[in-house]
């Protein structure tokens, strides 16, 4: 009995750990849509991104690209957020300060509008503060009180603080493309009813 319980425990532990392993970063496939013009596809794409709490940084109908401003990753208690897709992405967002930037590219191809999506993920890197004395070790990164926590950096640390590229979020890319597809289908249904 003890051996089977240990085996079950080991299998569960292996499953949990494999779920935390770094995901493969396979780029999402472009989504090609028919029956819609480029302006409508741009509007639908913008609406989807705004609905997912992204802020549009650039929407260029001549270059056919849409980019967003960086969006800090949602935490576990922000249940309304839609930017964490899957266990790995939720975990990394809760362990580190990360941000995601979406870039959509649109092009016309044989009567269809094809949309590509790239979600870049960056992690904040803050350099360590030097310890001035043994009494100051508690304030390496923060000046905190019982009721309020705050991060205080010196000028040298602020100069060395940077966002490090940690790859792409292919799962979020796929979700965004599927939402754009549904939004365009909804727009086409409205046009048919008119």
N, C-alpha and C. Protein backbone atom coordinates (compact mmCIF):
# COMPACT_ATOMS: atom_id res chain seq x y z
N UNK A 1 0.81 -1.19 0.00
CA UNK A 1 0.00 0.00 0.00
C UNK A 1 0.86 1.26 0.00
N UNK A 2 1.93 1.25 0.81
CA UNK A 2 2.79 2.43 0.91
C UNK A 2 3.49 2.71 -0.41
N UNK A 3 3.88 1.64 -1.14
CA UNK A 3 4.57 1.83 -2.41
C UNK A 3 3.65 2.44 -3.45
N UNK A 4 2.39 2.02 -3.49
CA UNK A 4 1.47 2.58 -4.48
C UNK A 4 1.16 4.05 -4.16
N UNK A 5 1.06 4.39 -2.86
CA UNK A 5 0.84 5.78 -2.48
C UNK A 5 2.02 6.66 -2.87
N UNK A 6 3.23 6.13 -2.69
CA UNK A 6 4.43 6.86 -3.07
C UNK A 6 4.49 7.05 -4.59
N UNK A 7 4.09 6.00 -5.32
CA UNK A 7 4.10 6.09 -6.78
C UNK A 7 3.11 7.15 -7.27
N UNK A 8 1.93 7.20 -6.66
CA UNK A 8 0.93 8.21 -7.04
C UNK A 8 1.47 9.61 -6.72
N UNK A 9 2.07 9.74 -5.54
CA UNK A 9 2.64 11.03 -5.16
C UNK A 9 3.72 11.47 -6.16
N UNK A 10 4.58 10.55 -6.57
CA UNK A 10 5.66 10.87 -7.52
C UNK A 10 5.08 11.27 -8.88
N UNK A 11 4.03 10.59 -9.32
CA UNK A 11 3.40 10.94 -10.59
C UNK A 11 2.77 12.33 -10.52
N UNK A 12 2.10 12.63 -9.42
CA UNK A 12 1.52 13.96 -9.26
C UNK A 12 2.59 15.04 -9.23
N UNK A 13 3.66 14.78 -8.50
CA UNK A 13 4.76 15.76 -8.43
C UNK A 13 5.37 15.98 -9.80
N UNK A 14 5.57 14.91 -10.56
CA UNK A 14 6.13 15.04 -11.91
C UNK A 14 5.19 15.83 -12.81
N UNK A 15 3.88 15.60 -12.67
CA UNK A 15 2.91 16.33 -13.47
C UNK A 15 2.89 17.80 -13.15
N UNK A 16 2.96 18.12 -11.86
CA UNK A 16 2.98 19.52 -11.45
C UNK A 16 4.24 20.21 -11.94
N UNK A 17 5.38 19.55 -11.77
CA UNK A 17 6.63 20.16 -12.20
C UNK A 17 6.71 20.32 -13.71
N UNK A 18 6.17 19.35 -14.45
CA UNK A 18 6.20 19.49 -15.91
C UNK A 18 5.29 20.61 -16.36
N UNK A 19 4.22 20.90 -15.60
CA UNK A 19 3.35 22.02 -15.92
C UNK A 19 4.03 23.35 -15.71
N UNK A 20 5.04 23.38 -14.85
CA UNK A 20 5.77 24.62 -14.58
C UNK A 20 6.97 24.78 -15.50
N UNK A 21 7.27 23.77 -16.29
CA UNK A 21 8.42 23.85 -17.18
C UNK A 21 8.17 24.90 -18.26
N UNK A 22 9.22 25.46 -18.79
CA UNK A 22 9.11 26.49 -19.82
C UNK A 22 8.41 25.91 -21.05
N UNK A 23 7.42 26.62 -21.54
CA UNK A 23 6.68 26.18 -22.70
C UNK A 23 7.50 26.38 -23.96
N UNK A 24 7.21 25.53 -24.95
CA UNK A 24 7.85 25.73 -26.24
C UNK A 24 7.25 26.98 -26.87
N UNK A 25 8.08 27.77 -27.51
CA UNK A 25 7.62 29.00 -28.10
C UNK A 25 7.45 28.81 -29.60
N UNK A 26 6.36 28.18 -29.97
CA UNK A 26 6.05 27.96 -31.38
C UNK A 26 5.18 29.12 -31.84
N UNK A 27 5.62 29.88 -32.83
CA UNK A 27 4.83 31.03 -33.28
C UNK A 27 3.44 30.58 -33.74
N UNK A 28 2.46 31.43 -33.50
CA UNK A 28 1.10 31.12 -33.93
C UNK A 28 0.99 31.23 -35.45
N UNK A 29 0.03 30.49 -35.99
CA UNK A 29 -0.22 30.53 -37.43
C UNK A 29 -1.06 31.77 -37.75
N UNK A 30 -0.81 32.43 -38.89
CA UNK A 30 -1.65 33.57 -39.27
C UNK A 30 -3.10 33.12 -39.45
N UNK A 31 -4.02 34.02 -39.17
CA UNK A 31 -5.45 33.76 -39.35
C UNK A 31 -5.88 34.49 -40.60
N UNK A 32 -6.35 33.75 -41.62
CA UNK A 32 -6.78 34.35 -42.88
C UNK A 32 -8.31 34.35 -42.93
N UNK A 33 -8.86 35.52 -43.25
CA UNK A 33 -10.30 35.73 -43.20
C UNK A 33 -10.79 36.27 -44.54
N UNK A 34 -11.97 35.84 -44.94
CA UNK A 34 -12.51 36.33 -46.21
C UNK A 34 -13.82 37.08 -45.95
N UNK A 35 -14.23 37.88 -46.95
CA UNK A 35 -15.49 38.61 -46.86
C UNK A 35 -15.40 39.90 -46.07
N UNK A 36 -14.20 40.40 -45.84
CA UNK A 36 -14.03 41.63 -45.06
C UNK A 36 -12.92 42.47 -45.68
N UNK A 37 -13.06 43.79 -45.52
CA UNK A 37 -12.02 44.68 -46.05
C UNK A 37 -11.00 44.98 -44.96
N UNK A 38 -9.90 45.57 -45.35
CA UNK A 38 -8.78 45.81 -44.44
C UNK A 38 -9.15 46.77 -43.31
N UNK A 39 -9.95 47.80 -43.61
CA UNK A 39 -10.35 48.76 -42.57
C UNK A 39 -11.19 48.08 -41.49
N UNK A 40 -12.11 47.22 -41.89
CA UNK A 40 -12.95 46.50 -40.92
C UNK A 40 -12.10 45.54 -40.09
N UNK A 41 -11.13 44.90 -40.73
CA UNK A 41 -10.25 43.99 -40.00
C UNK A 41 -9.41 44.75 -38.98
N UNK A 42 -8.96 45.95 -39.34
CA UNK A 42 -8.19 46.78 -38.40
C UNK A 42 -9.07 47.17 -37.22
N UNK A 43 -10.31 47.61 -37.48
CA UNK A 43 -11.21 48.01 -36.40
C UNK A 43 -11.52 46.83 -35.48
N UNK A 44 -11.77 45.67 -36.07
CA UNK A 44 -12.07 44.47 -35.26
C UNK A 44 -10.87 44.09 -34.40
N UNK A 45 -9.68 44.18 -34.96
CA UNK A 45 -8.46 43.84 -34.23
C UNK A 45 -8.24 44.79 -33.06
N UNK A 46 -8.45 46.09 -33.30
CA UNK A 46 -8.31 47.08 -32.23
C UNK A 46 -9.32 46.82 -31.12
N UNK A 47 -10.56 46.50 -31.49
CA UNK A 47 -11.61 46.26 -30.51
C UNK A 47 -11.27 45.06 -29.62
N UNK A 48 -10.71 44.01 -30.22
CA UNK A 48 -10.31 42.83 -29.45
C UNK A 48 -9.21 43.18 -28.46
N UNK A 49 -8.19 43.89 -28.92
CA UNK A 49 -7.07 44.24 -28.05
C UNK A 49 -7.52 45.13 -26.88
N UNK A 50 -8.36 46.12 -27.16
CA UNK A 50 -8.86 47.00 -26.11
C UNK A 50 -9.72 46.19 -25.13
N UNK A 51 -10.51 45.25 -25.64
CA UNK A 51 -11.32 44.39 -24.78
C UNK A 51 -10.50 43.50 -23.87
N UNK A 52 -9.23 43.28 -24.22
CA UNK A 52 -8.33 42.47 -23.40
C UNK A 52 -7.43 43.35 -22.52
N UNK A 53 -7.78 44.63 -22.38
CA UNK A 53 -7.09 45.61 -21.53
C UNK A 53 -5.78 46.12 -22.11
N UNK A 54 -5.50 45.88 -23.38
CA UNK A 54 -4.31 46.45 -24.00
C UNK A 54 -4.65 47.87 -24.46
N UNK A 55 -3.65 48.74 -24.47
CA UNK A 55 -3.80 50.11 -24.95
C UNK A 55 -3.08 50.19 -26.29
N UNK A 56 -3.79 50.66 -27.30
CA UNK A 56 -3.20 50.77 -28.64
C UNK A 56 -2.14 51.86 -28.64
N UNK A 57 -0.94 51.52 -29.08
CA UNK A 57 0.15 52.48 -29.18
C UNK A 57 0.21 53.05 -30.58
N UNK A 58 0.05 52.17 -31.58
CA UNK A 58 0.14 52.60 -32.97
C UNK A 58 -0.81 51.75 -33.80
N UNK A 59 -1.60 52.42 -34.63
CA UNK A 59 -2.48 51.74 -35.57
C UNK A 59 -2.30 52.43 -36.91
N UNK A 60 -1.55 51.80 -37.80
CA UNK A 60 -1.18 52.43 -39.06
C UNK A 60 -1.85 51.71 -40.23
N UNK A 61 -2.89 52.32 -40.84
CA UNK A 61 -3.58 51.67 -41.96
C UNK A 61 -2.74 51.59 -43.25
N UNK A 62 -1.69 52.39 -43.33
CA UNK A 62 -0.81 52.32 -44.51
C UNK A 62 0.19 51.18 -44.39
N UNK A 63 0.81 51.04 -43.19
CA UNK A 63 1.76 49.95 -42.97
C UNK A 63 1.05 48.66 -42.58
N UNK A 64 -0.26 48.76 -42.25
CA UNK A 64 -1.09 47.62 -41.85
C UNK A 64 -0.54 46.92 -40.62
N UNK A 65 -0.20 47.72 -39.60
CA UNK A 65 0.25 47.15 -38.33
C UNK A 65 -0.49 47.83 -37.17
N UNK A 66 -0.62 47.07 -36.10
CA UNK A 66 -1.18 47.58 -34.85
C UNK A 66 -0.23 47.12 -33.75
N UNK A 67 0.23 48.04 -32.92
CA UNK A 67 1.06 47.67 -31.78
C UNK A 67 0.42 48.24 -30.51
N UNK A 68 0.69 47.57 -29.40
CA UNK A 68 0.14 48.03 -28.13
C UNK A 68 1.25 48.56 -27.23
N UNK A 69 0.84 49.31 -26.24
CA UNK A 69 1.77 49.70 -25.19
C UNK A 69 1.97 48.48 -24.30
N UNK A 70 3.07 48.42 -23.55
CA UNK A 70 3.28 47.28 -22.66
C UNK A 70 2.17 47.16 -21.62
N UNK A 71 1.72 45.94 -21.38
CA UNK A 71 0.71 45.65 -20.37
C UNK A 71 1.34 44.76 -19.31
N UNK A 72 1.38 45.25 -18.07
CA UNK A 72 1.92 44.47 -16.97
C UNK A 72 1.04 43.24 -16.76
N UNK A 73 1.64 42.06 -16.58
CA UNK A 73 0.92 40.81 -16.43
C UNK A 73 -0.02 40.80 -15.24
N UNK A 74 -1.18 40.19 -15.43
CA UNK A 74 -2.19 40.10 -14.38
C UNK A 74 -1.76 39.16 -13.25
N UNK A 75 -2.22 39.44 -12.06
CA UNK A 75 -1.94 38.62 -10.88
C UNK A 75 -3.09 37.65 -10.64
N UNK A 76 -2.89 36.67 -9.78
CA UNK A 76 -3.87 35.62 -9.56
C UNK A 76 -5.22 36.16 -9.08
N UNK A 77 -5.23 37.26 -8.35
CA UNK A 77 -6.47 37.81 -7.82
C UNK A 77 -7.20 38.70 -8.82
N UNK A 78 -6.58 38.99 -9.95
CA UNK A 78 -7.23 39.79 -11.00
C UNK A 78 -7.94 38.85 -11.97
N UNK A 79 -9.04 38.28 -11.51
CA UNK A 79 -9.75 37.24 -12.26
C UNK A 79 -10.34 37.75 -13.57
N UNK A 80 -10.51 39.05 -13.74
CA UNK A 80 -11.08 39.61 -14.95
C UNK A 80 -10.05 39.75 -16.07
N UNK A 81 -8.78 39.60 -15.75
CA UNK A 81 -7.72 39.78 -16.75
C UNK A 81 -7.71 38.60 -17.72
N UNK A 82 -7.37 38.89 -18.98
CA UNK A 82 -7.38 37.86 -20.02
C UNK A 82 -6.02 37.67 -20.68
N UNK A 83 -4.96 38.22 -20.06
CA UNK A 83 -3.65 38.16 -20.69
C UNK A 83 -2.80 36.98 -20.22
N UNK A 84 -3.23 36.25 -19.20
CA UNK A 84 -2.51 35.05 -18.76
C UNK A 84 -3.23 33.82 -19.30
N UNK A 85 -2.62 33.15 -20.26
CA UNK A 85 -3.24 31.97 -20.86
C UNK A 85 -2.41 30.75 -20.46
N UNK A 86 -2.99 29.87 -19.69
CA UNK A 86 -2.30 28.64 -19.28
C UNK A 86 -1.57 28.79 -17.96
N UNK A 87 -1.25 27.64 -17.38
CA UNK A 87 -0.60 27.60 -16.07
C UNK A 87 0.78 28.23 -16.04
N UNK A 88 1.58 27.96 -17.05
CA UNK A 88 2.94 28.51 -17.08
C UNK A 88 2.90 30.04 -17.09
N UNK A 89 2.07 30.61 -17.98
CA UNK A 89 2.00 32.06 -18.11
C UNK A 89 1.42 32.71 -16.86
N UNK A 90 0.46 32.06 -16.23
CA UNK A 90 -0.08 32.58 -14.96
C UNK A 90 0.99 32.54 -13.88
N UNK A 91 1.73 31.44 -13.82
CA UNK A 91 2.78 31.29 -12.82
C UNK A 91 3.87 32.33 -12.97
N UNK A 92 4.36 32.52 -14.20
CA UNK A 92 5.45 33.48 -14.43
C UNK A 92 4.99 34.90 -14.14
N UNK A 93 3.72 35.18 -14.42
CA UNK A 93 3.18 36.51 -14.15
C UNK A 93 3.03 36.78 -12.66
N UNK A 94 2.81 35.73 -11.88
CA UNK A 94 2.67 35.90 -10.43
C UNK A 94 4.01 35.89 -9.70
N UNK A 95 5.02 35.28 -10.30
CA UNK A 95 6.34 35.22 -9.67
C UNK A 95 7.22 36.41 -10.00
N UNK A 96 7.03 36.99 -11.18
CA UNK A 96 7.88 38.08 -11.65
C UNK A 96 7.03 39.24 -12.11
N UNK A 97 7.65 40.39 -12.26
CA UNK A 97 6.98 41.51 -12.92
C UNK A 97 7.27 41.36 -14.40
N UNK A 98 6.22 41.05 -15.15
CA UNK A 98 6.39 40.90 -16.60
C UNK A 98 5.44 41.85 -17.32
N UNK A 99 5.77 42.09 -18.59
CA UNK A 99 4.88 42.88 -19.44
C UNK A 99 4.81 42.22 -20.81
N UNK A 100 3.68 42.42 -21.46
CA UNK A 100 3.46 41.86 -22.80
C UNK A 100 3.15 43.00 -23.77
N UNK A 101 3.72 42.88 -24.97
CA UNK A 101 3.49 43.86 -26.04
C UNK A 101 2.99 43.09 -27.25
N UNK A 102 1.84 43.49 -27.78
CA UNK A 102 1.25 42.81 -28.93
C UNK A 102 1.54 43.59 -30.20
N UNK A 103 1.91 42.85 -31.25
CA UNK A 103 2.09 43.45 -32.57
C UNK A 103 1.29 42.61 -33.57
N UNK A 104 0.33 43.26 -34.22
CA UNK A 104 -0.46 42.61 -35.26
C UNK A 104 -0.03 43.13 -36.62
N UNK A 105 0.07 42.23 -37.58
CA UNK A 105 0.36 42.61 -38.96
C UNK A 105 -0.76 42.10 -39.84
N UNK A 106 -1.26 42.93 -40.72
CA UNK A 106 -2.34 42.53 -41.63
C UNK A 106 -1.84 42.64 -43.06
N UNK A 107 -2.30 41.73 -43.91
CA UNK A 107 -2.00 41.85 -45.33
C UNK A 107 -3.10 41.18 -46.16
N UNK A 108 -3.21 41.64 -47.39
CA UNK A 108 -4.20 41.08 -48.31
C UNK A 108 -3.53 40.00 -49.13
N UNK A 109 -4.19 38.84 -49.22
CA UNK A 109 -3.62 37.71 -49.93
C UNK A 109 -4.73 36.95 -50.64
N UNK A 110 -4.81 37.06 -51.94
CA UNK A 110 -5.79 36.36 -52.78
C UNK A 110 -7.22 36.55 -52.28
N UNK A 111 -7.60 37.80 -52.05
CA UNK A 111 -8.96 38.13 -51.63
C UNK A 111 -9.24 37.89 -50.15
N UNK A 112 -8.23 37.52 -49.40
CA UNK A 112 -8.39 37.32 -47.96
C UNK A 112 -7.51 38.32 -47.20
N UNK A 113 -7.92 38.59 -45.98
CA UNK A 113 -7.10 39.40 -45.08
C UNK A 113 -6.45 38.44 -44.10
N UNK A 114 -5.13 38.42 -44.08
CA UNK A 114 -4.40 37.54 -43.16
C UNK A 114 -3.83 38.39 -42.03
N UNK A 115 -4.05 37.91 -40.80
CA UNK A 115 -3.59 38.62 -39.60
C UNK A 115 -2.54 37.76 -38.90
N UNK A 116 -1.37 38.36 -38.65
CA UNK A 116 -0.33 37.68 -37.87
C UNK A 116 -0.25 38.38 -36.51
N UNK A 117 0.13 37.62 -35.51
CA UNK A 117 0.19 38.15 -34.15
C UNK A 117 1.51 37.74 -33.50
N UNK A 118 2.15 38.70 -32.87
CA UNK A 118 3.37 38.42 -32.10
C UNK A 118 3.20 39.08 -30.73
N UNK A 119 3.31 38.28 -29.67
CA UNK A 119 3.24 38.81 -28.31
C UNK A 119 4.62 38.64 -27.68
N UNK A 120 5.31 39.76 -27.48
CA UNK A 120 6.62 39.75 -26.85
C UNK A 120 6.44 39.84 -25.34
N UNK A 121 7.21 39.04 -24.61
CA UNK A 121 7.13 39.02 -23.15
C UNK A 121 8.47 39.48 -22.59
N UNK A 122 8.42 40.41 -21.64
CA UNK A 122 9.63 40.94 -21.02
C UNK A 122 9.50 40.87 -19.51
N UNK A 123 10.61 40.60 -18.83
CA UNK A 123 10.64 40.52 -17.36
C UNK A 123 11.49 41.66 -16.83
N UNK A 124 11.02 42.28 -15.74
CA UNK A 124 11.74 43.40 -15.14
C UNK A 124 12.92 42.88 -14.33
N UNK A 125 14.09 43.45 -14.57
CA UNK A 125 15.30 43.11 -13.83
C UNK A 125 15.73 44.34 -13.03
N UNK A 126 15.76 44.16 -11.71
CA UNK A 126 16.17 45.25 -10.82
C UNK A 126 17.49 44.86 -10.16
N UNK A 127 18.54 45.66 -10.31
CA UNK A 127 19.82 45.31 -9.69
C UNK A 127 19.73 45.37 -8.17
N UNK A 128 20.54 44.56 -7.52
CA UNK A 128 20.54 44.53 -6.06
C UNK A 128 21.15 45.81 -5.49
N UNK A 129 20.67 46.17 -4.33
CA UNK A 129 21.19 47.33 -3.62
C UNK A 129 22.32 46.85 -2.71
N UNK A 130 23.39 47.63 -2.67
CA UNK A 130 24.51 47.26 -1.79
C UNK A 130 24.11 47.47 -0.34
N UNK A 131 24.58 46.58 0.52
CA UNK A 131 24.30 46.67 1.94
C UNK A 131 25.34 47.58 2.57
N UNK A 132 24.88 48.65 3.21
CA UNK A 132 25.78 49.62 3.83
C UNK A 132 26.27 49.15 5.20
N UNK A 133 25.39 48.46 5.92
CA UNK A 133 25.75 48.01 7.27
C UNK A 133 24.90 46.79 7.61
N UNK A 134 25.28 46.10 8.66
CA UNK A 134 24.50 44.92 9.05
C UNK A 134 23.10 45.31 9.51
N UNK A 135 22.94 46.49 10.04
CA UNK A 135 21.62 46.94 10.47
C UNK A 135 20.72 47.28 9.28
N UNK A 136 21.32 47.50 8.13
CA UNK A 136 20.54 47.90 6.96
C UNK A 136 20.13 46.76 6.05
N UNK A 137 20.39 45.52 6.43
CA UNK A 137 20.05 44.39 5.55
C UNK A 137 18.55 44.25 5.31
N UNK A 138 17.73 44.66 6.27
CA UNK A 138 16.29 44.53 6.09
C UNK A 138 15.75 45.47 5.01
N UNK A 139 16.51 46.49 4.65
CA UNK A 139 16.03 47.46 3.66
C UNK A 139 16.78 47.36 2.34
N UNK A 140 17.13 46.15 1.94
CA UNK A 140 17.85 45.99 0.67
C UNK A 140 17.05 46.56 -0.49
N UNK A 141 15.75 46.23 -0.55
CA UNK A 141 14.94 46.71 -1.66
C UNK A 141 13.83 47.67 -1.27
N UNK A 142 13.44 47.69 -0.02
CA UNK A 142 12.27 48.50 0.30
C UNK A 142 12.37 49.20 1.63
N UNK A 143 11.61 50.26 1.73
CA UNK A 143 11.36 50.92 3.00
C UNK A 143 9.91 50.60 3.29
N UNK A 144 9.68 49.75 4.24
CA UNK A 144 8.33 49.30 4.48
C UNK A 144 7.92 49.56 5.91
N UNK A 145 6.64 49.74 6.07
CA UNK A 145 6.06 49.82 7.40
C UNK A 145 5.07 48.66 7.52
N UNK A 146 4.42 48.55 8.64
CA UNK A 146 3.46 47.47 8.82
C UNK A 146 2.29 47.60 7.86
N UNK A 147 1.93 48.81 7.49
CA UNK A 147 0.75 49.01 6.66
C UNK A 147 1.05 49.29 5.19
N UNK A 148 2.29 49.60 4.85
CA UNK A 148 2.57 49.97 3.46
C UNK A 148 3.95 49.48 3.04
N UNK A 149 3.99 48.85 1.87
CA UNK A 149 5.26 48.40 1.29
C UNK A 149 5.60 49.33 0.14
N UNK A 150 6.86 49.68 0.01
CA UNK A 150 7.27 50.52 -1.12
C UNK A 150 8.67 50.12 -1.57
N UNK A 151 8.88 50.27 -2.86
CA UNK A 151 10.17 49.95 -3.46
C UNK A 151 10.93 51.26 -3.65
N UNK A 152 12.13 51.33 -3.12
CA UNK A 152 12.95 52.53 -3.24
C UNK A 152 14.27 52.15 -3.88
N UNK A 153 14.58 52.78 -5.01
CA UNK A 153 15.82 52.51 -5.73
C UNK A 153 16.68 53.76 -5.74
N UNK A 154 18.00 53.55 -5.67
CA UNK A 154 18.87 54.71 -5.82
C UNK A 154 19.09 54.99 -7.31
N UNK A 155 19.75 56.10 -7.63
CA UNK A 155 19.92 56.50 -9.03
C UNK A 155 20.67 55.46 -9.84
N UNK A 156 21.68 54.84 -9.25
CA UNK A 156 22.47 53.82 -9.94
C UNK A 156 21.60 52.60 -10.28
N UNK A 157 20.75 52.19 -9.34
CA UNK A 157 19.86 51.06 -9.60
C UNK A 157 18.86 51.40 -10.69
N UNK A 158 18.30 52.60 -10.64
CA UNK A 158 17.33 53.01 -11.66
C UNK A 158 17.96 53.00 -13.04
N UNK A 159 19.23 53.40 -13.13
CA UNK A 159 19.93 53.41 -14.41
C UNK A 159 20.17 52.00 -14.93
N UNK A 160 20.34 51.03 -14.02
CA UNK A 160 20.60 49.65 -14.43
C UNK A 160 19.33 48.82 -14.58
N UNK A 161 18.18 49.33 -14.13
CA UNK A 161 16.93 48.62 -14.24
C UNK A 161 16.55 48.47 -15.72
N UNK A 162 16.12 47.27 -16.11
CA UNK A 162 15.79 47.05 -17.52
C UNK A 162 14.77 45.93 -17.68
N UNK A 163 14.12 45.94 -18.83
CA UNK A 163 13.19 44.88 -19.21
C UNK A 163 13.94 43.89 -20.08
N UNK A 164 13.95 42.62 -19.68
CA UNK A 164 14.68 41.57 -20.40
C UNK A 164 13.70 40.74 -21.22
N UNK A 165 14.00 40.58 -22.49
CA UNK A 165 13.16 39.78 -23.39
C UNK A 165 13.22 38.31 -22.96
N UNK A 166 12.06 37.72 -22.69
CA UNK A 166 12.04 36.29 -22.33
C UNK A 166 11.27 35.46 -23.35
N UNK A 167 11.03 36.03 -24.53
CA UNK A 167 10.44 35.24 -25.62
C UNK A 167 9.03 35.70 -25.98
N UNK A 168 8.31 34.75 -26.58
CA UNK A 168 6.97 35.02 -27.07
C UNK A 168 5.94 34.23 -26.28
N UNK A 169 4.72 34.71 -26.30
CA UNK A 169 3.60 34.02 -25.66
C UNK A 169 2.69 33.51 -26.78
N UNK A 170 3.00 32.33 -27.31
CA UNK A 170 2.27 31.78 -28.45
C UNK A 170 0.83 31.42 -28.09
N UNK A 171 0.59 31.06 -26.84
CA UNK A 171 -0.79 30.74 -26.43
C UNK A 171 -1.67 31.99 -26.47
N UNK A 172 -1.15 33.10 -25.99
CA UNK A 172 -1.91 34.35 -26.05
C UNK A 172 -2.08 34.81 -27.50
N UNK A 173 -1.07 34.60 -28.33
CA UNK A 173 -1.19 34.94 -29.75
C UNK A 173 -2.37 34.21 -30.38
N UNK A 174 -2.49 32.92 -30.09
CA UNK A 174 -3.58 32.11 -30.65
C UNK A 174 -4.93 32.61 -30.13
N UNK A 175 -5.02 32.93 -28.85
CA UNK A 175 -6.27 33.44 -28.27
C UNK A 175 -6.66 34.75 -28.94
N UNK A 176 -5.71 35.65 -29.13
CA UNK A 176 -6.01 36.94 -29.77
C UNK A 176 -6.51 36.73 -31.19
N UNK A 177 -5.84 35.87 -31.96
CA UNK A 177 -6.26 35.62 -33.34
C UNK A 177 -7.66 35.01 -33.39
N UNK A 178 -7.96 34.09 -32.48
CA UNK A 178 -9.30 33.49 -32.44
C UNK A 178 -10.36 34.53 -32.07
N UNK A 179 -10.04 35.43 -31.17
CA UNK A 179 -10.99 36.49 -30.78
C UNK A 179 -11.22 37.45 -31.96
N UNK A 180 -10.16 37.74 -32.72
CA UNK A 180 -10.32 38.59 -33.91
C UNK A 180 -11.23 37.91 -34.92
N UNK A 181 -11.04 36.61 -35.12
CA UNK A 181 -11.88 35.83 -36.04
C UNK A 181 -13.35 35.92 -35.61
N UNK A 182 -13.63 35.74 -34.31
CA UNK A 182 -15.01 35.81 -33.80
C UNK A 182 -15.58 37.21 -33.94
N UNK A 183 -14.76 38.23 -33.67
CA UNK A 183 -15.22 39.61 -33.79
C UNK A 183 -15.59 39.93 -35.24
N UNK A 184 -14.80 39.46 -36.18
CA UNK A 184 -15.08 39.71 -37.60
C UNK A 184 -16.34 38.96 -38.02
N UNK A 185 -16.51 37.72 -37.54
CA UNK A 185 -17.72 36.96 -37.85
C UNK A 185 -18.96 37.69 -37.32
N UNK A 186 -18.84 38.28 -36.12
CA UNK A 186 -19.95 39.04 -35.53
C UNK A 186 -20.27 40.27 -36.39
N UNK A 187 -19.21 40.95 -36.89
CA UNK A 187 -19.40 42.12 -37.74
C UNK A 187 -20.08 41.73 -39.04
N UNK A 188 -19.69 40.60 -39.62
CA UNK A 188 -20.28 40.15 -40.88
C UNK A 188 -21.75 39.78 -40.68
N UNK A 189 -22.10 39.18 -39.54
CA UNK A 189 -23.48 38.84 -39.25
C UNK A 189 -24.34 40.09 -39.13
N UNK A 190 -23.81 41.15 -38.50
CA UNK A 190 -24.54 42.40 -38.38
C UNK A 190 -24.79 43.00 -39.77
N UNK A 191 -23.76 42.94 -40.64
CA UNK A 191 -23.90 43.50 -41.99
C UNK A 191 -24.95 42.75 -42.79
N UNK A 192 -25.04 41.42 -42.61
CA UNK A 192 -26.04 40.62 -43.34
C UNK A 192 -27.45 40.95 -42.88
N UNK A 193 -27.62 41.28 -41.61
CA UNK A 193 -28.94 41.59 -41.08
C UNK A 193 -29.46 42.94 -41.56
N UNK A 194 -28.55 43.83 -41.97
CA UNK A 194 -28.95 45.17 -42.42
C UNK A 194 -29.64 45.13 -43.77
